[in-house]
Amino acid sequence: MATDLAPPPTSAASISGHRRRRAGLRDVFTRYRWLYLMLLPGVVYFALFKYLPMYGVTIAFQDFLPFLGYSGSPWVGFKHFEELFAGPDFGRLLFNTLFLALLHVVFVFPAPIVVALLLNELRVNVLKRTVQSLVYIPHFLSWTIVASLTYILFAADFGVLAGWIRDFLGDTSKIDYMAQEEWFRPIVILQQLWKQTGWGTIIYLAALAGVDPQLYEAARMDGAGRFKQLWHVTLPAIRPTIVVMAILASGNLLDSGFEQIWLMTTSLNRSVADVFDTYVYYSGITQGAISYSTAVGLFKGVAGVILIFGSNWLAKRLGQRGLF
């Protein structure tokens, strides 16, 4: 009878294991309490400004009326998404956004890698630090300043670069590059290259600093020159970093950057300048279509999540380490 009332040994073992896990977690929190305290502001920021506002995406499925609020506005389901996909602007917006994304992948994404590799080859520390500082500075300028500088350089009447181009081509006619549709995308990509390349090199320079010098010594003993060392040692060593950055960048392919595009848009180049980011502003703020613009933004956000998971899956299928 006493054996029937005794608890099973597996139950005692599970309770003991649970207590050990709780004690282990308590020890971890106690040991790294200052790190968790430093993490707290970031967690609060994301909770308040990233996750809590996500409740507002319900507006995309309503005919939202501010005076009725979330609960009083009528529910319309996928009406606004149907209007977006069937509307005359969707094809143009998608093409403009994807074309800018393609140019970004081809020109802007590899630029920090190339600059980091070039800086890594410099052996004069003073020159290396000077170049690093010069390429970092544009990152700290706002897009308003960048757009103003672009206007000064490319203005038809007094633009410095516009004048040099006229003199080089021997053409006396004045071309307003800021208003030409065919010049909008090249100028936008040049702005991104100038502003973002230097800052992006920080991550790749940090990855290059972690490459084992003995690998280079072994490559030199095998007769490898500078180019072969770069190809067979340096690039394979930073390949995981490149893959992770590519996965993170894939989620922003449809995020063309509202501020830059909006500052560069004019009435003459709007047909090629309109992207989803600016379209949300025009339809939601200037026209008051709150629910419709929320649906556009939600579509862009869901597409970004799908791109991240898809690129992570593709990286793993190709034998690389994914983001998760």
Protein backbone atom coordinates (compact mmCIF):
# COMPACT_ATOMS: atom_id res chain seq x y z
CA MET A 1 0.00 0.00 0.00
CA ALA A 2 2.90 2.36 0.76
CA THR A 3 4.38 1.75 -2.66
CA ASP A 4 1.07 2.78 -4.28
CA LEU A 5 1.12 6.15 -2.50
CA ALA A 6 4.77 6.94 -3.36
CA PRO A 7 5.26 9.47 -6.22
CA PRO A 8 6.71 8.11 -9.42
CA PRO A 9 10.45 8.62 -9.75
CA THR A 10 10.01 10.35 -13.11
CA SER A 11 7.84 13.02 -11.45
CA ALA A 12 10.53 13.77 -8.85
CA ALA A 13 13.17 13.91 -11.58
CA SER A 14 11.12 16.36 -13.66
CA ILE A 15 10.55 18.61 -10.62
CA SER A 16 14.25 18.55 -9.83
CA GLY A 17 15.13 19.39 -13.45
CA HIS A 18 12.62 22.24 -13.46
CA ARG A 19 14.17 23.66 -10.29
CA ARG A 20 17.65 23.41 -11.77
CA ARG A 21 16.53 25.28 -14.89
CA ARG A 22 14.93 28.00 -12.78
CA ALA A 23 18.09 28.30 -10.71
CA GLY A 24 20.18 28.43 -13.87
CA LEU A 25 18.04 31.23 -15.33
CA ARG A 26 18.22 33.10 -12.03
CA ASP A 27 22.02 32.81 -12.06
CA VAL A 28 22.18 34.06 -15.67
CA PHE A 29 20.01 37.10 -14.90
CA THR A 30 22.03 37.83 -11.78
CA ARG A 31 25.38 37.52 -13.52
CA TYR A 32 24.42 39.62 -16.55
CA ARG A 33 21.98 41.98 -14.84
CA TRP A 34 23.75 45.11 -16.11
CA LEU A 35 23.63 43.89 -19.70
CA TYR A 36 19.91 43.20 -19.38
CA LEU A 37 19.46 46.64 -17.84
CA MET A 38 21.20 48.18 -20.85
CA LEU A 39 18.91 46.12 -23.10
CA LEU A 40 15.78 47.42 -21.39
CA PRO A 41 15.55 50.82 -23.21
CA GLY A 42 15.74 49.09 -26.57
CA VAL A 43 13.05 46.59 -25.60
CA VAL A 44 10.79 49.40 -24.36
CA TYR A 45 11.39 51.37 -27.57
CA PHE A 46 10.45 48.48 -29.84
CA ALA A 47 7.46 47.58 -27.70
CA LEU A 48 6.04 51.12 -27.71
CA PHE A 49 6.92 52.27 -31.22
CA LYS A 50 7.10 49.04 -33.25
CA TYR A 51 4.83 46.36 -31.79
CA LEU A 52 2.10 48.36 -30.05
CA PRO A 53 1.24 50.43 -33.17
CA MET A 54 0.79 47.20 -35.16
CA TYR A 55 -2.78 47.16 -33.91
CA GLY A 56 -3.35 50.02 -36.31
CA VAL A 57 -3.07 47.72 -39.34
CA THR A 58 -6.72 46.81 -38.69
CA ILE A 59 -7.50 50.13 -40.40
CA ALA A 60 -6.55 48.47 -43.70
CA PHE A 61 -9.63 46.24 -43.36
CA GLN A 62 -12.00 49.08 -42.42
CA ASP A 63 -13.42 52.25 -43.86
CA PHE A 64 -11.76 54.11 -41.04
CA LEU A 65 -13.48 57.22 -39.76
CA PRO A 66 -11.50 59.09 -37.10
CA PHE A 67 -14.56 60.21 -35.15
CA LEU A 68 -15.80 56.60 -34.91
CA GLY A 69 -12.43 55.08 -33.98
CA TYR A 70 -11.24 51.52 -34.45
CA SER A 71 -14.32 49.86 -32.97
CA GLY A 72 -16.94 52.03 -34.67
CA SER A 73 -15.58 52.13 -38.22
CA PRO A 74 -17.27 49.70 -40.65
CA TRP A 75 -15.41 46.52 -41.55
CA VAL A 76 -14.87 46.07 -45.32
CA GLY A 77 -12.45 43.13 -45.47
CA PHE A 78 -10.07 43.13 -48.45
CA LYS A 79 -11.81 45.96 -50.30
CA HIS A 80 -8.81 48.32 -50.20
CA PHE A 81 -6.39 45.60 -51.28
CA GLU A 82 -8.61 44.84 -54.27
CA GLU A 83 -8.61 48.53 -55.16
CA LEU A 84 -4.83 48.62 -54.90
CA PHE A 85 -4.17 45.57 -57.08
CA ALA A 86 -6.82 46.46 -59.66
CA GLY A 87 -6.03 50.17 -59.70
CA PRO A 88 -4.16 51.91 -62.53
CA ASP A 89 -1.25 52.95 -60.28
CA PHE A 90 -0.20 49.54 -58.95
CA GLY A 91 1.77 48.42 -62.01
CA ARG A 92 3.67 51.70 -62.24
CA LEU A 93 4.41 51.77 -58.51
CA LEU A 94 5.60 48.16 -58.51
CA PHE A 95 7.85 48.69 -61.54
CA ASN A 96 9.40 51.89 -60.17
CA THR A 97 10.00 50.33 -56.75
CA LEU A 98 11.47 47.09 -58.09
CA PHE A 99 13.64 48.90 -60.64
CA LEU A 100 15.16 51.08 -57.92
CA ALA A 101 15.59 47.95 -55.77
CA LEU A 102 17.42 46.21 -58.64
CA LEU A 103 19.74 49.20 -59.10
CA HIS A 104 20.35 49.19 -55.34
CA VAL A 105 21.30 45.51 -55.38
CA VAL A 106 23.60 45.90 -58.39
CA PHE A 107 25.38 49.12 -57.43
CA VAL A 108 24.76 50.15 -53.81
CA PHE A 109 24.94 46.82 -51.97
CA PRO A 110 28.38 45.72 -53.33
CA ALA A 111 29.92 49.19 -52.91
CA PRO A 112 30.71 48.90 -49.15
CA ILE A 113 32.30 45.49 -49.78
CA VAL A 114 34.55 46.88 -52.51
CA VAL A 115 35.53 49.93 -50.45
CA ALA A 116 36.25 47.78 -47.39
CA LEU A 117 38.46 45.45 -49.45
CA LEU A 118 40.35 48.42 -50.89
CA LEU A 119 40.82 50.00 -47.47
CA ASN A 120 42.01 46.67 -46.11
CA GLU A 121 44.79 46.64 -48.69
CA LEU A 122 46.16 50.02 -47.58
CA ARG A 123 49.28 49.65 -45.47
CA VAL A 124 49.78 53.33 -44.53
CA ASN A 125 47.63 53.77 -41.41
CA VAL A 126 47.41 57.56 -41.71
CA LEU A 127 46.09 57.35 -45.26
CA LYS A 128 43.74 54.53 -44.33
CA ARG A 129 42.20 56.45 -41.41
CA THR A 130 41.89 59.62 -43.50
CA VAL A 131 40.03 57.82 -46.27
CA GLN A 132 37.78 56.10 -43.73
CA SER A 133 36.84 59.43 -42.16
CA LEU A 134 36.14 61.01 -45.54
CA VAL A 135 33.83 58.22 -46.68
CA TYR A 136 32.00 58.11 -43.30
CA ILE A 137 31.10 61.82 -43.19
CA PRO A 138 28.24 61.79 -45.77
CA HIS A 139 26.27 59.33 -43.63
CA PHE A 140 25.71 62.01 -41.00
CA LEU A 141 24.16 64.46 -43.47
CA SER A 142 20.38 64.52 -43.76
CA TRP A 143 18.68 63.76 -47.06
CA THR A 144 17.57 67.40 -47.16
CA ILE A 145 21.20 68.53 -47.30
CA VAL A 146 22.02 65.83 -49.86
CA ALA A 147 19.12 66.95 -52.07
CA SER A 148 20.21 70.59 -51.75
CA LEU A 149 23.78 69.72 -52.73
CA THR A 150 22.47 67.73 -55.68
CA TYR A 151 20.42 70.71 -56.82
CA ILE A 152 23.48 72.98 -56.57
CA LEU A 153 25.57 70.55 -58.62
CA PHE A 154 23.00 69.69 -61.31
CA ALA A 155 20.93 72.88 -61.65
CA ALA A 156 20.55 73.94 -65.28
CA ASP A 157 21.58 77.57 -64.72
CA PHE A 158 24.39 77.42 -62.18
CA GLY A 159 25.06 73.72 -61.52
CA VAL A 160 28.78 72.96 -61.32
CA LEU A 161 28.57 69.41 -62.67
CA ALA A 162 25.97 70.45 -65.23
CA GLY A 163 28.39 73.07 -66.53
CA TRP A 164 31.26 70.56 -66.69
CA ILE A 165 29.08 68.12 -68.63
CA ARG A 166 28.13 70.88 -71.10
CA ASP A 167 31.78 71.82 -71.58
CA PHE A 168 32.85 68.19 -71.99
CA LEU A 169 30.17 67.45 -74.59
CA GLY A 170 30.51 70.82 -76.28
CA ASP A 171 26.77 71.38 -75.93
CA THR A 172 25.57 74.90 -75.25
CA SER A 173 21.99 73.90 -74.38
CA LYS A 174 21.05 73.84 -70.71
CA ILE A 175 19.59 70.55 -69.46
CA ASP A 176 17.63 70.46 -66.23
CA TYR A 177 18.84 67.11 -64.93
CA MET A 178 16.66 67.36 -61.84
CA ALA A 179 13.51 67.40 -63.97
CA GLN A 180 14.46 64.77 -66.56
CA GLU A 181 12.84 61.37 -66.10
CA GLU A 182 15.84 59.51 -67.53
CA TRP A 183 18.19 61.16 -65.01
CA PHE A 184 16.09 60.58 -61.89
CA ARG A 185 17.22 57.02 -61.15
CA PRO A 186 20.96 57.59 -61.84
CA ILE A 187 20.97 60.64 -59.56
CA VAL A 188 19.14 58.75 -56.78
CA ILE A 189 21.61 55.85 -56.97
CA LEU A 190 24.58 58.24 -56.95
CA GLN A 191 23.16 59.89 -53.83
CA GLN A 192 22.83 56.53 -52.08
CA LEU A 193 26.35 55.53 -53.09
CA TRP A 194 27.82 58.75 -51.74
CA LYS A 195 25.83 58.76 -48.50
CA GLN A 196 25.67 55.09 -47.49
CA THR A 197 28.81 53.40 -48.82
CA GLY A 198 31.18 54.67 -46.14
CA TRP A 199 28.93 53.70 -43.26
CA GLY A 200 28.37 50.23 -44.69
CA THR A 201 32.10 49.56 -44.77
CA ILE A 202 32.23 49.52 -40.95
CA ILE A 203 30.65 46.06 -40.75
CA TYR A 204 32.88 44.58 -43.44
CA LEU A 205 36.04 46.13 -42.00
CA ALA A 206 35.13 44.56 -38.66
CA ALA A 207 34.71 41.21 -40.40
CA LEU A 208 38.04 41.65 -42.18
CA ALA A 209 39.75 42.38 -38.86
CA GLY A 210 38.74 38.90 -37.68
CA VAL A 211 40.48 37.04 -40.52
CA ASP A 212 43.34 34.90 -39.21
CA PRO A 213 46.69 36.34 -40.46
CA GLN A 214 48.10 32.81 -40.60
CA LEU A 215 45.81 32.13 -43.56
CA TYR A 216 47.52 34.87 -45.53
CA GLU A 217 50.96 33.56 -44.53
CA ALA A 218 50.03 30.07 -45.68
CA ALA A 219 48.70 31.48 -48.97
CA ARG A 220 51.93 33.45 -49.55
CA MET A 221 54.00 30.33 -48.88
CA ASP A 222 51.96 28.55 -51.55
CA GLY A 223 52.83 31.32 -54.01
CA ALA A 224 49.52 33.20 -53.94
CA GLY A 225 49.67 36.85 -54.95
CA ARG A 226 47.54 39.70 -53.59
CA PHE A 227 44.62 38.95 -55.89
CA LYS A 228 44.60 35.22 -55.14
CA GLN A 229 44.78 35.96 -51.41
CA LEU A 230 41.80 38.25 -51.82
CA TRP A 231 39.85 35.66 -53.80
CA HIS A 232 40.71 32.53 -51.81
CA VAL A 233 41.18 33.89 -48.27
CA THR A 234 39.55 37.27 -47.74
CA LEU A 235 36.25 36.80 -49.57
CA PRO A 236 35.53 33.30 -48.15
CA ALA A 237 36.28 34.64 -44.66
CA ILE A 238 33.71 37.45 -44.90
CA ARG A 239 31.18 35.47 -46.92
CA PRO A 240 28.93 34.75 -43.87
CA THR A 241 28.78 38.48 -43.13
CA ILE A 242 27.89 39.25 -46.75
CA VAL A 243 25.12 36.63 -46.69
CA VAL A 244 23.61 38.00 -43.46
CA MET A 245 23.71 41.56 -44.79
CA ALA A 246 22.09 40.40 -48.03
CA ILE A 247 19.27 38.71 -46.12
CA LEU A 248 18.68 41.85 -44.05
CA ALA A 249 18.77 44.03 -47.18
CA SER A 250 16.22 41.82 -48.94
CA GLY A 251 13.56 42.86 -46.45
CA ASN A 252 14.04 46.49 -47.49
CA LEU A 253 13.90 45.95 -51.25
CA LEU A 254 10.47 47.58 -51.43
CA ASP A 255 11.52 50.28 -48.99
CA SER A 256 12.89 52.88 -51.39
CA GLY A 257 13.24 55.56 -48.73
CA PHE A 258 10.49 58.15 -48.47
CA GLU A 259 12.56 61.20 -47.59
CA GLN A 260 15.08 60.89 -50.42
CA ILE A 261 12.50 60.11 -53.11
CA TRP A 262 10.08 62.77 -51.92
CA LEU A 263 12.77 65.47 -51.96
CA MET A 264 13.86 64.50 -55.47
CA THR A 265 10.36 64.25 -56.94
CA THR A 266 9.04 67.01 -59.19
CA SER A 267 5.94 67.35 -61.32
CA LEU A 268 8.05 66.50 -64.38
CA ASN A 269 9.57 63.23 -63.14
CA ARG A 270 6.70 61.93 -61.02
CA SER A 271 5.91 59.12 -63.45
CA VAL A 272 9.24 57.42 -62.66
CA ALA A 273 9.67 58.77 -59.12
CA ASP A 274 6.46 57.47 -57.55
CA VAL A 275 7.12 54.45 -55.32
CA PHE A 276 5.07 52.80 -52.59
CA ASP A 277 6.58 54.99 -49.86
CA THR A 278 5.64 58.28 -51.50
CA TYR A 279 2.31 56.87 -52.68
CA VAL A 280 1.35 56.13 -49.07
CA TYR A 281 2.07 59.76 -48.18
CA TYR A 282 0.15 61.21 -51.11
CA SER A 283 -2.89 58.99 -50.69
CA GLY A 284 -2.97 58.98 -46.89
CA ILE A 285 -1.88 62.50 -45.89
CA THR A 286 -2.73 64.74 -48.81
CA GLN A 287 -5.88 62.90 -49.95
CA GLY A 288 -7.10 61.57 -46.59
CA ALA A 289 -7.47 57.94 -47.76
CA ILE A 290 -6.26 56.54 -44.44
CA SER A 291 -7.53 53.00 -44.84
CA TYR A 292 -6.31 52.70 -48.43
CA SER A 293 -2.82 54.00 -47.62
CA THR A 294 -2.63 51.62 -44.64
CA ALA A 295 -3.43 48.75 -46.98
CA VAL A 296 -0.60 49.85 -49.28
CA GLY A 297 1.83 50.01 -46.36
CA LEU A 298 0.70 46.62 -45.05
CA PHE A 299 1.21 45.06 -48.47
CA LYS A 300 4.76 46.43 -48.57
CA GLY A 301 5.48 45.17 -45.05
CA VAL A 302 4.18 41.65 -45.73
CA ALA A 303 6.18 41.51 -48.96
CA GLY A 304 9.30 42.48 -47.00
CA VAL A 305 8.75 39.68 -44.47
CA ILE A 306 8.27 37.16 -47.28
CA LEU A 307 11.49 38.34 -48.93
CA ILE A 308 13.45 37.93 -45.69
CA PHE A 309 12.20 34.37 -45.10
CA GLY A 310 12.68 33.51 -48.78
CA SER A 311 16.25 34.81 -48.93
CA ASN A 312 17.09 33.06 -45.65
CA TRP A 313 15.73 29.79 -47.07
CA LEU A 314 17.69 30.29 -50.28
CA ALA A 315 20.90 30.98 -48.38
CA LYS A 316 20.54 27.73 -46.44
CA ARG A 317 19.78 25.79 -49.62
CA LEU A 318 23.01 27.15 -51.12
CA GLY A 319 24.98 25.88 -48.13
CA GLN A 320 25.40 29.19 -46.34
CA ARG A 321 24.51 30.10 -42.78
CA GLY A 322 21.17 31.85 -42.64
CA LEU A 323 19.99 34.57 -40.35
CA PHE A 324 17.79 32.20 -38.35
